[in-house]
C-alpha atoms as a PDB file:
ATOM      1  CA  MET A   1     -17.143  -4.304  -4.558  1.00  0.00           C
ATOM      2  CA  ARG A   2     -13.692  -5.331  -5.636  1.00  0.00           C
ATOM      3  CA  ASP A   3     -12.403  -8.776  -4.950  1.00  0.00           C
ATOM      4  CA  GLU A   4      -9.227  -9.017  -3.180  1.00  0.00           C
ATOM      5  CA  ILE A   5      -6.376 -10.349  -5.406  1.00  0.00           C
ATOM      6  CA  ASP A   6      -3.747 -12.619  -3.910  1.00  0.00           C
ATOM      7  CA  LEU A   7      -0.546 -10.987  -5.356  1.00  0.00           C
ATOM      8  CA  ARG A   8       1.479 -14.147  -4.570  1.00  0.00           C
ATOM      9  CA  GLU A   9      -0.756 -16.121  -6.784  1.00  0.00           C
ATOM     10  CA  ALA A  10      -0.939 -13.400  -9.526  1.00  0.00           C
ATOM     11  CA  LEU A  11       2.897 -13.107  -9.683  1.00  0.00           C
ATOM     12  CA  ALA A  12       3.770 -16.675  -9.288  1.00  0.00           C
ATOM     13  CA  PRO A  13       5.388 -18.647 -12.142  1.00  0.00           C
ATOM     14  CA  SER A  14       3.012 -20.453 -14.363  1.00  0.00           C
ATOM     15  CA  ARG A  15       2.731 -22.214 -17.741  1.00  0.00           C
ATOM     16  CA  PHE A  16       3.178 -19.029 -19.669  1.00  0.00           C
ATOM     17  CA  VAL A  17       4.935 -16.790 -17.272  1.00  0.00           C
ATOM     18  CA  ASP A  18       8.566 -17.507 -16.105  1.00  0.00           C
ATOM     19  CA  SER A  19       8.447 -14.841 -13.375  1.00  0.00           C
ATOM     20  CA  ASP A  20      11.002 -16.623 -11.474  1.00  0.00           C
ATOM     21  CA  HIS A  21      13.544 -16.893 -14.317  1.00  0.00           C
ATOM     22  CA  PRO A  22      16.848 -15.009 -13.629  1.00  0.00           C
ATOM     23  CA  ASP A  23      16.574 -12.871 -16.769  1.00  0.00           C
ATOM     24  CA  VAL A  24      13.037 -11.784 -15.879  1.00  0.00           C
ATOM     25  CA  ARG A  25      14.102 -11.016 -12.253  1.00  0.00           C
ATOM     26  CA  ASP A  26      17.155  -9.061 -13.417  1.00  0.00           C
ATOM     27  CA  PHE A  27      15.024  -7.022 -15.892  1.00  0.00           C
ATOM     28  CA  THR A  28      12.368  -6.232 -13.452  1.00  0.00           C
ATOM     29  CA  GLY A  29      14.837  -5.443 -10.702  1.00  0.00           C
ATOM     30  CA  SER A  30      16.711  -3.003 -12.969  1.00  0.00           C
ATOM     31  CA  VAL A  31      13.536  -1.204 -13.868  1.00  0.00           C
ATOM     32  CA  VAL A  32      12.420  -0.552 -10.327  1.00  0.00           C
ATOM     33  CA  ARG A  33      15.725  -0.303  -8.565  1.00  0.00           C
ATOM     34  CA  GLY A  34      15.502   2.438  -5.897  1.00  0.00           C
ATOM     35  CA  VAL A  35      11.817   3.135  -6.402  1.00  0.00           C
ATOM     36  CA  GLN A  36       9.775   2.611  -3.226  1.00  0.00           C
ATOM     37  CA  ASP A  37       6.276   3.817  -4.347  1.00  0.00           C
ATOM     38  CA  ARG A  38       4.136   0.970  -5.358  1.00  0.00           C
ATOM     39  CA  ARG A  39       2.152   2.926  -8.005  1.00  0.00           C
ATOM     40  CA  GLU A  40       5.381   4.216  -9.579  1.00  0.00           C
ATOM     41  CA  ARG A  41       6.879   0.696  -9.710  1.00  0.00           C
ATOM     42  CA  ILE A  42       3.738  -0.652 -11.492  1.00  0.00           C
ATOM     43  CA  GLY A  43       3.944   2.177 -13.978  1.00  0.00           C
ATOM     44  CA  LEU A  44       7.586   1.731 -14.670  1.00  0.00           C
ATOM     45  CA  LEU A  45       7.199  -2.059 -15.120  1.00  0.00           C
ATOM     46  CA  PHE A  46       4.248  -1.604 -17.370  1.00  0.00           C
ATOM     47  CA  ALA A  47       6.082   0.867 -19.638  1.00  0.00           C
ATOM     48  CA  ALA A  48       9.295  -1.319 -19.672  1.00  0.00           C
ATOM     49  CA  VAL A  49       7.365  -4.425 -20.610  1.00  0.00           C
ATOM     50  CA  ARG A  50       5.368  -2.558 -23.285  1.00  0.00           C
ATOM     51  CA  ASP A  51       8.403  -0.860 -24.759  1.00  0.00           C
ATOM     52  CA  GLN A  52      11.182  -3.477 -24.318  1.00  0.00           C
ATOM     53  CA  ALA A  53       9.998  -6.948 -23.874  1.00  0.00           C
ATOM     54  CA  GLN A  54      10.159  -9.070 -26.906  1.00  0.00           C
ATOM     55  CA  VAL A  55       6.956 -10.829 -27.475  1.00  0.00           C
ATOM     56  CA  ARG A  56       6.706 -13.796 -30.045  1.00  0.00           C
ATOM     57  CA  PRO A  57       2.989 -14.749 -30.035  1.00  0.00           C
ATOM     58  CA  LEU A  58       3.493 -17.508 -32.684  1.00  0.00           C
ATOM     59  CA  GLN A  59       6.486 -19.144 -30.887  1.00  0.00           C
ATOM     60  CA  ARG A  60       5.702 -22.339 -28.920  1.00  0.00           C
ATOM     61  CA  TYR A  61       6.444 -21.696 -25.331  1.00  0.00           C
ATOM     62  CA  ARG A  62       7.785 -24.077 -22.714  1.00  0.00           C
ATOM     63  CA  ARG A  63       9.508 -23.658 -19.414  1.00  0.00           C
ATOM     64  CA  THR A  64      13.260 -24.071 -19.694  1.00  0.00           C
ATOM     65  CA  ARG A  65      13.693 -25.291 -16.154  1.00  0.00           C
END
């Protein structure tokens, strides 16, 4: 049996994820613009982050706002 996931909590900004940052919102919006199917949107976002997002694991992160 799968536990239900609260998507609002999973997608909310946190210490390590700036999901509300304008740059993040612009990036994700441009990736899924015009796509209505939820699974397709997820796939597009996964591929875009995998292929385009810059990850710097050794950088010290902190919220800018």
